[in-house]
Amino acid sequence: RLKNDGLLTYRWEESPSGPPRKYYQITELGLNFLAQ
């Protein structure tokens, strides 16, 4: 939901143990919402 609202984005990274991992990152919009 946070991603769909534009507050987060994500990227896939290979994992040293197992399948790739989805790393979440806060967006500029997310930072503004966090301040509120």
ModelCIF file with pLDDT and N, C-alpha, C, O atoms, coordinates in Angstrom:
data_MODEL
#
_entry.id   MODEL 
#
_entity.id                         1 
_entity.type                       polymer 
_entity.pdbx_number_of_molecules   1 
#
_entity_poly.entity_id                      1 
_entity_poly.type                           'polypeptide(L)' 
_entity_poly.nstd_linkage                   no 
_entity_poly.nstd_monomer                   no 
_entity_poly.pdbx_seq_one_letter_code       RLKNDGLLTYRWEESPSGPPRKYYQITELGLNFLAQ 
_entity_poly.pdbx_seq_one_letter_code_can   RLKNDGLLTYRWEESPSGPPRKYYQITELGLNFLAQ 
_entity_poly.pdbx_strand_id                 A 
#
loop_
_entity_poly_seq.entity_id 
_entity_poly_seq.num 
_entity_poly_seq.mon_id 
_entity_poly_seq.hetero 
1 1  ARG n 
1 2  LEU n 
1 3  LYS n 
1 4  ASN n 
1 5  ASP n 
1 6  GLY n 
1 7  LEU n 
1 8  LEU n 
1 9  THR n 
1 10 TYR n 
1 11 ARG n 
1 12 TRP n 
1 13 GLU n 
1 14 GLU n 
1 15 SER n 
1 16 PRO n 
1 17 SER n 
1 18 GLY n 
1 19 PRO n 
1 20 PRO n 
1 21 ARG n 
1 22 LYS n 
1 23 TYR n 
1 24 TYR n 
1 25 GLN n 
1 26 ILE n 
1 27 THR n 
1 28 GLU n 
1 29 LEU n 
1 30 GLY n 
1 31 LEU n 
1 32 ASN n 
1 33 PHE n 
1 34 LEU n 
1 35 ALA n 
1 36 GLN n 
#
_struct_asym.id          A 
_struct_asym.entity_id   1 
#
loop_
_ma_qa_metric.id 
_ma_qa_metric.mode 
_ma_qa_metric.name 
_ma_qa_metric.software_group_id 
_ma_qa_metric.type 
1 global pLDDT . pLDDT 
2 local  pLDDT . pLDDT 
#
_ma_qa_metric_global.metric_id      1 
_ma_qa_metric_global.metric_value   96.39 
_ma_qa_metric_global.model_id       1 
_ma_qa_metric_global.ordinal_id     1 
#
loop_
_ma_qa_metric_local.label_asym_id 
_ma_qa_metric_local.label_comp_id 
_ma_qa_metric_local.label_seq_id 
_ma_qa_metric_local.metric_id 
_ma_qa_metric_local.metric_value 
_ma_qa_metric_local.model_id 
_ma_qa_metric_local.ordinal_id 
A ARG 1  2 98.00 1 1  
A LEU 2  2 98.00 1 2  
A LYS 3  2 98.00 1 3  
A ASN 4  2 98.00 1 4  
A ASP 5  2 98.00 1 5  
A GLY 6  2 98.00 1 6  
A LEU 7  2 98.00 1 7  
A LEU 8  2 98.00 1 8  
A THR 9  2 98.00 1 9  
A TYR 10 2 98.00 1 10 
A ARG 11 2 97.00 1 11 
A TRP 12 2 97.00 1 12 
A GLU 13 2 96.00 1 13 
A GLU 14 2 95.00 1 14 
A SER 15 2 89.00 1 15 
A PRO 16 2 88.00 1 16 
A SER 17 2 87.00 1 17 
A GLY 18 2 90.00 1 18 
A PRO 19 2 93.00 1 19 
A PRO 20 2 95.00 1 20 
A ARG 21 2 95.00 1 21 
A LYS 22 2 96.00 1 22 
A TYR 23 2 98.00 1 23 
A TYR 24 2 98.00 1 24 
A GLN 25 2 98.00 1 25 
A ILE 26 2 98.00 1 26 
A THR 27 2 98.00 1 27 
A GLU 28 2 98.00 1 28 
A LEU 29 2 98.00 1 29 
A GLY 30 2 98.00 1 30 
A LEU 31 2 98.00 1 31 
A ASN 32 2 98.00 1 32 
A PHE 33 2 98.00 1 33 
A LEU 34 2 98.00 1 34 
A ALA 35 2 98.00 1 35 
A GLN 36 2 98.00 1 36 
#
loop_
_atom_site.group_PDB 
_atom_site.id 
_atom_site.type_symbol 
_atom_site.label_atom_id 
_atom_site.label_alt_id 
_atom_site.label_comp_id 
_atom_site.label_asym_id 
_atom_site.label_entity_id 
_atom_site.label_seq_id 
_atom_site.pdbx_PDB_ins_code 
_atom_site.Cartn_x 
_atom_site.Cartn_y 
_atom_site.Cartn_z 
_atom_site.occupancy 
_atom_site.B_iso_or_equiv 
_atom_site.pdbx_formal_charge 
_atom_site.auth_seq_id 
_atom_site.auth_comp_id 
_atom_site.auth_asym_id 
_atom_site.auth_atom_id 
_atom_site.pdbx_PDB_model_num 
ATOM 1   N N  . ARG A 1 1  ? 0.828  -1.206  0.000  1.00 98.00 ? 1  ARG A N  1 
ATOM 2   C CA . ARG A 1 1  ? 0.000  0.000   0.000  1.00 98.00 ? 1  ARG A CA 1 
ATOM 3   C C  . ARG A 1 1  ? 0.861  1.253   0.000  1.00 98.00 ? 1  ARG A C  1 
ATOM 4   O O  . ARG A 1 1  ? 0.576  2.200   -0.733 1.00 98.00 ? 1  ARG A O  1 
ATOM 5   N N  . LEU A 1 2  ? 1.916  1.269   0.818  1.00 98.00 ? 2  LEU A N  1 
ATOM 6   C CA . LEU A 1 2  ? 2.810  2.427   0.856  1.00 98.00 ? 2  LEU A CA 1 
ATOM 7   C C  . LEU A 1 2  ? 3.507  2.631   -0.494 1.00 98.00 ? 2  LEU A C  1 
ATOM 8   O O  . LEU A 1 2  ? 3.713  3.765   -0.927 1.00 98.00 ? 2  LEU A O  1 
ATOM 9   N N  . LYS A 1 3  ? 3.863  1.533   -1.146 1.00 98.00 ? 3  LYS A N  1 
ATOM 10  C CA . LYS A 1 3  ? 4.472  1.623   -2.477 1.00 98.00 ? 3  LYS A CA 1 
ATOM 11  C C  . LYS A 1 3  ? 3.462  2.161   -3.487 1.00 98.00 ? 3  LYS A C  1 
ATOM 12  O O  . LYS A 1 3  ? 3.782  3.040   -4.288 1.00 98.00 ? 3  LYS A O  1 
ATOM 13  N N  . ASN A 1 4  ? 2.246  1.630   -3.444 1.00 98.00 ? 4  ASN A N  1 
ATOM 14  C CA . ASN A 1 4  ? 1.206  2.082   -4.376 1.00 98.00 ? 4  ASN A CA 1 
ATOM 15  C C  . ASN A 1 4  ? 0.842  3.548   -4.164 1.00 98.00 ? 4  ASN A C  1 
ATOM 16  O O  . ASN A 1 4  ? 0.434  4.230   -5.104 1.00 98.00 ? 4  ASN A O  1 
ATOM 17  N N  . ASP A 1 5  ? 0.989  4.031   -2.939 1.00 98.00 ? 5  ASP A N  1 
ATOM 18  C CA . ASP A 1 5  ? 0.719  5.437   -2.625 1.00 98.00 ? 5  ASP A CA 1 
ATOM 19  C C  . ASP A 1 5  ? 1.894  6.352   -2.973 1.00 98.00 ? 5  ASP A C  1 
ATOM 20  O O  . ASP A 1 5  ? 1.807  7.570   -2.820 1.00 98.00 ? 5  ASP A O  1 
ATOM 21  N N  . GLY A 1 6  ? 2.990  5.756   -3.441 1.00 98.00 ? 6  GLY A N  1 
ATOM 22  C CA . GLY A 1 6  ? 4.162  6.548   -3.827 1.00 98.00 ? 6  GLY A CA 1 
ATOM 23  C C  . GLY A 1 6  ? 5.064  6.926   -2.676 1.00 98.00 ? 6  GLY A C  1 
ATOM 24  O O  . GLY A 1 6  ? 5.969  7.744   -2.841 1.00 98.00 ? 6  GLY A O  1 
ATOM 25  N N  . LEU A 1 7  ? 4.832  6.339   -1.501 1.00 98.00 ? 7  LEU A N  1 
ATOM 26  C CA . LEU A 1 7  ? 5.634  6.682   -0.325 1.00 98.00 ? 7  LEU A CA 1 
ATOM 27  C C  . LEU A 1 7  ? 6.909  5.851   -0.241 1.00 98.00 ? 7  LEU A C  1 
ATOM 28  O O  . LEU A 1 7  ? 7.878  6.243   0.410  1.00 98.00 ? 7  LEU A O  1 
ATOM 29  N N  . LEU A 1 8  ? 6.897  4.699   -0.906 1.00 98.00 ? 8  LEU A N  1 
ATOM 30  C CA . LEU A 1 8  ? 8.049  3.798   -0.953 1.00 98.00 ? 8  LEU A CA 1 
ATOM 31  C C  . LEU A 1 8  ? 8.305  3.387   -2.389 1.00 98.00 ? 8  LEU A C  1 
ATOM 32  O O  . LEU A 1 8  ? 7.424  3.455   -3.246 1.00 98.00 ? 8  LEU A O  1 
ATOM 33  N N  . THR A 1 9  ? 9.514  2.967   -2.623 1.00 98.00 ? 9  THR A N  1 
ATOM 34  C CA . THR A 1 9  ? 9.885  2.303   -3.859 1.00 98.00 ? 9  THR A CA 1 
ATOM 35  C C  . THR A 1 9  ? 10.710 1.087   -3.448 1.00 98.00 ? 9  THR A C  1 
ATOM 36  O O  . THR A 1 9  ? 11.064 0.945   -2.277 1.00 98.00 ? 9  THR A O  1 
ATOM 37  N N  . TYR A 1 10 ? 11.013 0.227   -4.384 1.00 98.00 ? 10 TYR A N  1 
ATOM 38  C CA . TYR A 1 10 ? 11.831 -0.928  -4.035 1.00 98.00 ? 10 TYR A CA 1 
ATOM 39  C C  . TYR A 1 10 ? 12.729 -1.320  -5.198 1.00 98.00 ? 10 TYR A C  1 
ATOM 40  O O  . TYR A 1 10 ? 12.525 -0.909  -6.340 1.00 98.00 ? 10 TYR A O  1 
ATOM 41  N N  . ARG A 1 11 ? 13.723 -2.122  -4.871 1.00 97.00 ? 11 ARG A N  1 
ATOM 42  C CA . ARG A 1 11 ? 14.623 -2.682  -5.865 1.00 97.00 ? 11 ARG A CA 1 
ATOM 43  C C  . ARG A 1 11 ? 14.960 -4.105  -5.443 1.00 97.00 ? 11 ARG A C  1 
ATOM 44  O O  . ARG A 1 11 ? 14.922 -4.434  -4.257 1.00 97.00 ? 11 ARG A O  1 
ATOM 45  N N  . TRP A 1 12 ? 15.281 -4.927  -6.396 1.00 97.00 ? 12 TRP A N  1 
ATOM 46  C CA . TRP A 1 12 ? 15.688 -6.299  -6.105 1.00 97.00 ? 12 TRP A CA 1 
ATOM 47  C C  . TRP A 1 12 ? 17.203 -6.365  -6.037 1.00 97.00 ? 12 TRP A C  1 
ATOM 48  O O  . TRP A 1 12 ? 17.904 -5.773  -6.857 1.00 97.00 ? 12 TRP A O  1 
ATOM 49  N N  . GLU A 1 13 ? 17.701 -7.101  -5.034 1.00 96.00 ? 13 GLU A N  1 
ATOM 50  C CA . GLU A 1 13 ? 19.143 -7.337  -4.916 1.00 96.00 ? 13 GLU A CA 1 
ATOM 51  C C  . GLU A 1 13 ? 19.374 -8.811  -4.672 1.00 96.00 ? 13 GLU A C  1 
ATOM 52  O O  . GLU A 1 13 ? 18.617 -9.470  -3.959 1.00 96.00 ? 13 GLU A O  1 
ATOM 53  N N  . GLU A 1 14 ? 20.435 -9.314  -5.277 1.00 95.00 ? 14 GLU A N  1 
ATOM 54  C CA . GLU A 1 14 ? 20.809 -10.710 -5.044 1.00 95.00 ? 14 GLU A CA 1 
ATOM 55  C C  . GLU A 1 14 ? 21.180 -10.885 -3.578 1.00 95.00 ? 14 GLU A C  1 
ATOM 56  O O  . GLU A 1 14 ? 21.761 -9.996  -2.955 1.00 95.00 ? 14 GLU A O  1 
ATOM 57  N N  . SER A 1 15 ? 20.836 -12.037 -3.047 1.00 89.00 ? 15 SER A N  1 
ATOM 58  C CA . SER A 1 15 ? 21.138 -12.353 -1.659 1.00 89.00 ? 15 SER A CA 1 
ATOM 59  C C  . SER A 1 15 ? 22.293 -13.346 -1.615 1.00 89.00 ? 15 SER A C  1 
ATOM 60  O O  . SER A 1 15 ? 22.352 -14.252 -2.446 1.00 89.00 ? 15 SER A O  1 
ATOM 61  N N  . PRO A 1 16 ? 23.215 -13.195 -0.661 1.00 88.00 ? 16 PRO A N  1 
ATOM 62  C CA . PRO A 1 16 ? 24.309 -14.167 -0.541 1.00 88.00 ? 16 PRO A CA 1 
ATOM 63  C C  . PRO A 1 16 ? 23.795 -15.543 -0.107 1.00 88.00 ? 16 PRO A C  1 
ATOM 64  O O  . PRO A 1 16 ? 24.471 -16.555 -0.296 1.00 88.00 ? 16 PRO A O  1 
ATOM 65  N N  . SER A 1 17 ? 22.593 -15.569 0.478  1.00 87.00 ? 17 SER A N  1 
ATOM 66  C CA . SER A 1 17 ? 22.035 -16.852 0.933  1.00 87.00 ? 17 SER A CA 1 
ATOM 67  C C  . SER A 1 17 ? 20.560 -16.919 0.566  1.00 87.00 ? 17 SER A C  1 
ATOM 68  O O  . SER A 1 17 ? 19.706 -16.452 1.320  1.00 87.00 ? 17 SER A O  1 
ATOM 69  N N  . GLY A 1 18 ? 20.262 -17.496 -0.583 1.00 90.00 ? 18 GLY A N  1 
ATOM 70  C CA . GLY A 1 18 ? 18.867 -17.651 -0.961 1.00 90.00 ? 18 GLY A CA 1 
ATOM 71  C C  . GLY A 1 18 ? 18.459 -16.777 -2.131 1.00 90.00 ? 18 GLY A C  1 
ATOM 72  O O  . GLY A 1 18 ? 19.293 -16.275 -2.884 1.00 90.00 ? 18 GLY A O  1 
ATOM 73  N N  . PRO A 1 19 ? 17.148 -16.609 -2.261 1.00 93.00 ? 19 PRO A N  1 
ATOM 74  C CA . PRO A 1 19 ? 16.620 -15.847 -3.405 1.00 93.00 ? 19 PRO A CA 1 
ATOM 75  C C  . PRO A 1 19 ? 16.905 -14.351 -3.277 1.00 93.00 ? 19 PRO A C  1 
ATOM 76  O O  . PRO A 1 19 ? 17.281 -13.882 -2.203 1.00 93.00 ? 19 PRO A O  1 
ATOM 77  N N  . PRO A 1 20 ? 16.728 -13.601 -4.368 1.00 95.00 ? 20 PRO A N  1 
ATOM 78  C CA . PRO A 1 20 ? 16.924 -12.136 -4.304 1.00 95.00 ? 20 PRO A CA 1 
ATOM 79  C C  . PRO A 1 20 ? 15.982 -11.507 -3.271 1.00 95.00 ? 20 PRO A C  1 
ATOM 80  O O  . PRO A 1 20 ? 14.914 -12.039 -2.971 1.00 95.00 ? 20 PRO A O  1 
ATOM 81  N N  . ARG A 1 21 ? 16.406 -10.375 -2.745 1.00 95.00 ? 21 ARG A N  1 
ATOM 82  C CA . ARG A 1 21 ? 15.617 -9.667  -1.729 1.00 95.00 ? 21 ARG A CA 1 
ATOM 83  C C  . ARG A 1 21 ? 15.091 -8.359  -2.298 1.00 95.00 ? 21 ARG A C  1 
ATOM 84  O O  . ARG A 1 21 ? 15.750 -7.693  -3.096 1.00 95.00 ? 21 ARG A O  1 
ATOM 85  N N  . LYS A 1 22 ? 13.894 -8.013  -1.866 1.00 96.00 ? 22 LYS A N  1 
ATOM 86  C CA . LYS A 1 22 ? 13.272 -6.756  -2.267 1.00 96.00 ? 22 LYS A CA 1 
ATOM 87  C C  . LYS A 1 22 ? 13.588 -5.723  -1.179 1.00 96.00 ? 22 LYS A C  1 
ATOM 88  O O  . LYS A 1 22 ? 13.097 -5.818  -0.054 1.00 96.00 ? 22 LYS A O  1 
ATOM 89  N N  . TYR A 1 23 ? 14.413 -4.742  -1.534 1.00 98.00 ? 23 TYR A N  1 
ATOM 90  C CA . TYR A 1 23 ? 14.781 -3.683  -0.601 1.00 98.00 ? 23 TYR A CA 1 
ATOM 91  C C  . TYR A 1 23 ? 13.857 -2.490  -0.806 1.00 98.00 ? 23 TYR A C  1 
ATOM 92  O O  . TYR A 1 23 ? 13.700 -1.995  -1.922 1.00 98.00 ? 23 TYR A O  1 
ATOM 93  N N  . TYR A 1 24 ? 13.253 -2.037  0.279  1.00 98.00 ? 24 TYR A N  1 
ATOM 94  C CA . TYR A 1 24 ? 12.345 -0.900  0.245  1.00 98.00 ? 24 TYR A CA 1 
ATOM 95  C C  . TYR A 1 24 ? 13.103 0.369   0.592  1.00 98.00 ? 24 TYR A C  1 
ATOM 96  O O  . TYR A 1 24 ? 14.010 0.365   1.425  1.00 98.00 ? 24 TYR A O  1 
ATOM 97  N N  . GLN A 1 25 ? 12.708 1.465   -0.070 1.00 98.00 ? 25 GLN A N  1 
ATOM 98  C CA . GLN A 1 25 ? 13.343 2.763   0.130  1.00 98.00 ? 25 GLN A CA 1 
ATOM 99  C C  . GLN A 1 25 ? 12.243 3.818   0.214  1.00 98.00 ? 25 GLN A C  1 
ATOM 100 O O  . GLN A 1 25 ? 11.278 3.781   -0.548 1.00 98.00 ? 25 GLN A O  1 
ATOM 101 N N  . ILE A 1 26 ? 12.395 4.751   1.140  1.00 98.00 ? 26 ILE A N  1 
ATOM 102 C CA . ILE A 1 26 ? 11.413 5.827   1.273  1.00 98.00 ? 26 ILE A CA 1 
ATOM 103 C C  . ILE A 1 26 ? 11.640 6.843   0.153  1.00 98.00 ? 26 ILE A C  1 
ATOM 104 O O  . ILE A 1 26 ? 12.780 7.143   -0.201 1.00 98.00 ? 26 ILE A O  1 
ATOM 105 N N  . THR A 1 27 ? 10.558 7.362   -0.395 1.00 98.00 ? 27 THR A N  1 
ATOM 106 C CA . THR A 1 27 ? 10.632 8.364   -1.462 1.00 98.00 ? 27 THR A CA 1 
ATOM 107 C C  . THR A 1 27 ? 10.561 9.770   -0.868 1.00 98.00 ? 27 THR A C  1 
ATOM 108 O O  . THR A 1 27 ? 10.363 9.936   0.335  1.00 98.00 ? 27 THR A O  1 
ATOM 109 N N  . GLU A 1 28 ? 10.720 10.758  -1.708 1.00 98.00 ? 28 GLU A N  1 
ATOM 110 C CA . GLU A 1 28 ? 10.586 12.148  -1.264 1.00 98.00 ? 28 GLU A CA 1 
ATOM 111 C C  . GLU A 1 28 ? 9.177  12.394  -0.726 1.00 98.00 ? 28 GLU A C  1 
ATOM 112 O O  . GLU A 1 28 ? 8.998  13.047  0.302  1.00 98.00 ? 28 GLU A O  1 
ATOM 113 N N  . LEU A 1 29 ? 8.184  11.864  -1.433 1.00 98.00 ? 29 LEU A N  1 
ATOM 114 C CA . LEU A 1 29 ? 6.795  11.971  -0.971 1.00 98.00 ? 29 LEU A CA 1 
ATOM 115 C C  . LEU A 1 29 ? 6.636  11.278  0.390  1.00 98.00 ? 29 LEU A C  1 
ATOM 116 O O  . LEU A 1 29 ? 5.920  11.765  1.265  1.00 98.00 ? 29 LEU A O  1 
ATOM 117 N N  . GLY A 1 30 ? 7.309  10.147  0.550  1.00 98.00 ? 30 GLY A N  1 
ATOM 118 C CA . GLY A 1 30 ? 7.282  9.424   1.819  1.00 98.00 ? 30 GLY A CA 1 
ATOM 119 C C  . GLY A 1 30 ? 7.904  10.233  2.941  1.00 98.00 ? 30 GLY A C  1 
ATOM 120 O O  . GLY A 1 30 ? 7.404  10.221  4.066  1.00 98.00 ? 30 GLY A O  1 
ATOM 121 N N  . LEU A 1 31 ? 8.989  10.934  2.650  1.00 98.00 ? 31 LEU A N  1 
ATOM 122 C CA . LEU A 1 31 ? 9.628  11.783  3.662  1.00 98.00 ? 31 LEU A CA 1 
ATOM 123 C C  . LEU A 1 31 ? 8.709  12.929  4.075  1.00 98.00 ? 31 LEU A C  1 
ATOM 124 O O  . LEU A 1 31 ? 8.635  13.287  5.250  1.00 98.00 ? 31 LEU A O  1 
ATOM 125 N N  . ASN A 1 32 ? 8.007  13.499  3.093  1.00 98.00 ? 32 ASN A N  1 
ATOM 126 C CA . ASN A 1 32 ? 7.054  14.570  3.414  1.00 98.00 ? 32 ASN A CA 1 
ATOM 127 C C  . ASN A 1 32 ? 5.911  14.044  4.277  1.00 98.00 ? 32 ASN A C  1 
ATOM 128 O O  . ASN A 1 32 ? 5.499  14.689  5.241  1.00 98.00 ? 32 ASN A O  1 
ATOM 129 N N  . PHE A 1 33 ? 5.405  12.865  3.920  1.00 98.00 ? 33 PHE A N  1 
ATOM 130 C CA . PHE A 1 33 ? 4.327  12.256  4.697  1.00 98.00 ? 33 PHE A CA 1 
ATOM 131 C C  . PHE A 1 33 ? 4.815  11.899  6.098  1.00 98.00 ? 33 PHE A C  1 
ATOM 132 O O  . PHE A 1 33 ? 4.081  12.067  7.073  1.00 98.00 ? 33 PHE A O  1 
ATOM 133 N N  . LEU A 1 34 ? 6.037  11.412  6.202  1.00 98.00 ? 34 LEU A N  1 
ATOM 134 C CA . LEU A 1 34 ? 6.631  11.091  7.500  1.00 98.00 ? 34 LEU A CA 1 
ATOM 135 C C  . LEU A 1 34 ? 6.711  12.338  8.378  1.00 98.00 ? 34 LEU A C  1 
ATOM 136 O O  . LEU A 1 34 ? 6.453  12.264  9.579  1.00 98.00 ? 34 LEU A O  1 
ATOM 137 N N  . ALA A 1 35 ? 7.063  13.467  7.797  1.00 98.00 ? 35 ALA A N  1 
ATOM 138 C CA . ALA A 1 35 ? 7.115  14.722  8.564  1.00 98.00 ? 35 ALA A CA 1 
ATOM 139 C C  . ALA A 1 35 ? 5.730  15.079  9.098  1.00 98.00 ? 35 ALA A C  1 
ATOM 140 O O  . ALA A 1 35 ? 5.599  15.540  10.233 1.00 98.00 ? 35 ALA A O  1 
ATOM 141 N N  . GLN A 1 36 ? 4.699  14.869  8.285  1.00 98.00 ? 36 GLN A N  1 
ATOM 142 C CA . GLN A 1 36 ? 3.326  15.136  8.735  1.00 98.00 ? 36 GLN A CA 1 
ATOM 143 C C  . GLN A 1 36 ? 2.938  14.183  9.863  1.00 98.00 ? 36 GLN A C  1 
ATOM 144 O O  . GLN A 1 36 ? 1.819  14.252  10.373 1.00 98.00 ? 36 GLN A O  1 
#
